[in-house]
Amino acid sequence: MKEDCLKIIEHYGVNHQQRKLAEEVFELQEAIFANWYDTDGVTDVGYVEHIREEIADVMVILKQIQYYYEIPDEEIEDVMKYKVQRTLKRMEKE
């Protein structure tokens, strides 16, 4: 997958793919809000499928950018763990 992601970002260019990321994040936000504003309180399977597809689109472009800038998975995982722990600490204080 790494080679394919690099092939895509090198073809279209990093600036183009960063703009594409913004589009995909917006589409994910729309998919999430469509479920959020559903007033019957039931999560439709169609919503979940739509959200799953949009998450995948965002993650594919994020991977392209990650590989382009040569950021190892471990470094991202470390930052993610730090941010989760920081949030948990904030929650304890609330």
C-alpha atoms as a PDB file:
ATOM      1  CA  MET A   1       0.000   0.000   0.000  1.00  0.00           C
ATOM      2  CA  LYS A   2       2.851   2.400   0.791  1.00  0.00           C
ATOM      3  CA  GLU A   3       4.201   2.276  -2.754  1.00  0.00           C
ATOM      4  CA  ASP A   4       0.734   2.863  -4.211  1.00  0.00           C
ATOM      5  CA  CYS A   5       0.081   5.809  -1.901  1.00  0.00           C
ATOM      6  CA  LEU A   6       3.409   7.368  -2.835  1.00  0.00           C
ATOM      7  CA  LYS A   7       2.667   6.831  -6.513  1.00  0.00           C
ATOM      8  CA  ILE A   8      -0.625   8.704  -6.146  1.00  0.00           C
ATOM      9  CA  ILE A   9       0.769  11.664  -4.207  1.00  0.00           C
ATOM     10  CA  GLU A  10       3.758  11.968  -6.502  1.00  0.00           C
ATOM     11  CA  HIS A  11       1.452  11.939  -9.534  1.00  0.00           C
ATOM     12  CA  TYR A  12      -0.980  14.578  -8.268  1.00  0.00           C
ATOM     13  CA  GLY A  13       1.440  16.501  -6.053  1.00  0.00           C
ATOM     14  CA  VAL A  14       1.407  17.096  -2.332  1.00  0.00           C
ATOM     15  CA  ASN A  15      -0.417  20.438  -2.568  1.00  0.00           C
ATOM     16  CA  HIS A  16      -3.230  18.909  -4.610  1.00  0.00           C
ATOM     17  CA  GLN A  17      -3.604  16.002  -2.222  1.00  0.00           C
ATOM     18  CA  GLN A  18      -3.609  18.308   0.795  1.00  0.00           C
ATOM     19  CA  ARG A  19      -6.504  20.214  -0.799  1.00  0.00           C
ATOM     20  CA  LYS A  20      -8.152  16.863  -1.530  1.00  0.00           C
ATOM     21  CA  LEU A  21      -7.776  15.984   2.143  1.00  0.00           C
ATOM     22  CA  ALA A  22      -9.748  19.099   3.072  1.00  0.00           C
ATOM     23  CA  GLU A  23     -12.536  18.001   0.709  1.00  0.00           C
ATOM     24  CA  GLU A  24     -12.591  14.493   2.132  1.00  0.00           C
ATOM     25  CA  VAL A  25     -12.637  15.741   5.728  1.00  0.00           C
ATOM     26  CA  PHE A  26     -15.609  17.943   4.835  1.00  0.00           C
ATOM     27  CA  GLU A  27     -17.407  14.929   3.333  1.00  0.00           C
ATOM     28  CA  LEU A  28     -16.728  12.942   6.509  1.00  0.00           C
ATOM     29  CA  GLN A  29     -18.086  15.799   8.581  1.00  0.00           C
ATOM     30  CA  GLU A  30     -21.241  15.859   6.450  1.00  0.00           C
ATOM     31  CA  ALA A  31     -21.691  12.101   6.876  1.00  0.00           C
ATOM     32  CA  ILE A  32     -21.323  12.384  10.643  1.00  0.00           C
ATOM     33  CA  PHE A  33     -23.669  15.355  10.882  1.00  0.00           C
ATOM     34  CA  ALA A  34     -26.289  13.533   8.804  1.00  0.00           C
ATOM     35  CA  ASN A  35     -26.458  10.958  11.584  1.00  0.00           C
ATOM     36  CA  TRP A  36     -26.134  13.535  14.335  1.00  0.00           C
ATOM     37  CA  TYR A  37     -29.205  15.428  13.211  1.00  0.00           C
ATOM     38  CA  ASP A  38     -31.289  12.290  12.774  1.00  0.00           C
ATOM     39  CA  THR A  39     -34.087  12.896  15.252  1.00  0.00           C
ATOM     40  CA  ASP A  40     -35.489   9.385  15.727  1.00  0.00           C
ATOM     41  CA  GLY A  41     -32.533   8.256  17.824  1.00  0.00           C
ATOM     42  CA  VAL A  42     -31.845   5.197  15.678  1.00  0.00           C
ATOM     43  CA  THR A  43     -28.588   4.854  13.761  1.00  0.00           C
ATOM     44  CA  ASP A  44     -29.381   3.703  10.255  1.00  0.00           C
ATOM     45  CA  VAL A  45     -26.996   1.135   8.764  1.00  0.00           C
ATOM     46  CA  GLY A  46     -26.712   3.396   5.712  1.00  0.00           C
ATOM     47  CA  TYR A  47     -25.280   6.150   7.888  1.00  0.00           C
ATOM     48  CA  VAL A  48     -22.654   3.835   9.316  1.00  0.00           C
ATOM     49  CA  GLU A  49     -21.653   2.620   5.851  1.00  0.00           C
ATOM     50  CA  HIS A  50     -21.392   6.212   4.612  1.00  0.00           C
ATOM     51  CA  ILE A  51     -19.273   7.217   7.600  1.00  0.00           C
ATOM     52  CA  ARG A  52     -17.044   4.159   7.095  1.00  0.00           C
ATOM     53  CA  GLU A  53     -16.467   5.091   3.442  1.00  0.00           C
ATOM     54  CA  GLU A  54     -15.617   8.673   4.297  1.00  0.00           C
ATOM     55  CA  ILE A  55     -13.237   7.623   7.081  1.00  0.00           C
ATOM     56  CA  ALA A  56     -11.465   5.378   4.575  1.00  0.00           C
ATOM     57  CA  ASP A  57     -11.167   8.251   2.063  1.00  0.00           C
ATOM     58  CA  VAL A  58      -9.638  10.507   4.723  1.00  0.00           C
ATOM     59  CA  MET A  59      -7.269   7.816   5.940  1.00  0.00           C
ATOM     60  CA  VAL A  60      -6.023   7.013   2.428  1.00  0.00           C
ATOM     61  CA  ILE A  61      -4.991  10.610   1.860  1.00  0.00           C
ATOM     62  CA  LEU A  62      -3.547  10.889   5.358  1.00  0.00           C
ATOM     63  CA  LYS A  63      -1.410   7.835   4.602  1.00  0.00           C
ATOM     64  CA  GLN A  64      -0.230   9.462   1.368  1.00  0.00           C
ATOM     65  CA  ILE A  65       0.823  12.557   3.286  1.00  0.00           C
ATOM     66  CA  GLN A  66       2.405  10.490   6.057  1.00  0.00           C
ATOM     67  CA  TYR A  67       4.470   8.498   3.562  1.00  0.00           C
ATOM     68  CA  TYR A  68       5.362  11.597   1.550  1.00  0.00           C
ATOM     69  CA  TYR A  69       6.840  13.277   4.636  1.00  0.00           C
ATOM     70  CA  GLU A  70       8.354   9.981   5.820  1.00  0.00           C
ATOM     71  CA  ILE A  71       6.642  10.025   9.206  1.00  0.00           C
ATOM     72  CA  PRO A  72       6.872   6.586  10.840  1.00  0.00           C
ATOM     73  CA  ASP A  73       3.718   4.939  12.205  1.00  0.00           C
ATOM     74  CA  GLU A  74       5.363   4.733  15.631  1.00  0.00           C
ATOM     75  CA  GLU A  75       5.771   8.508  15.844  1.00  0.00           C
ATOM     76  CA  ILE A  76       2.115   9.040  15.022  1.00  0.00           C
ATOM     77  CA  GLU A  77       1.087   6.368  17.521  1.00  0.00           C
ATOM     78  CA  ASP A  78       3.208   8.045  20.215  1.00  0.00           C
ATOM     79  CA  VAL A  79       1.559  11.418  19.627  1.00  0.00           C
ATOM     80  CA  MET A  80      -1.884   9.801  19.565  1.00  0.00           C
ATOM     81  CA  LYS A  81      -1.225   8.050  22.885  1.00  0.00           C
ATOM     82  CA  TYR A  82      -0.019  11.306  24.416  1.00  0.00           C
ATOM     83  CA  LYS A  83      -3.136  13.144  23.254  1.00  0.00           C
ATOM     84  CA  VAL A  84      -5.479  10.423  24.525  1.00  0.00           C
ATOM     85  CA  GLN A  85      -3.772  10.435  27.921  1.00  0.00           C
ATOM     86  CA  ARG A  86      -3.923  14.226  28.055  1.00  0.00           C
ATOM     87  CA  THR A  87      -7.658  14.125  27.375  1.00  0.00           C
ATOM     88  CA  LEU A  88      -8.201  11.456  30.020  1.00  0.00           C
ATOM     89  CA  LYS A  89      -6.375  13.629  32.555  1.00  0.00           C
ATOM     90  CA  ARG A  90      -8.572  16.581  31.646  1.00  0.00           C
ATOM     91  CA  MET A  91     -11.627  14.392  32.120  1.00  0.00           C
ATOM     92  CA  GLU A  92     -10.471  13.409  35.616  1.00  0.00           C
ATOM     93  CA  LYS A  93     -10.309  17.089  36.545  1.00  0.00           C
ATOM     94  CA  GLU A  94     -13.849  17.792  35.383  1.00  0.00           C
END
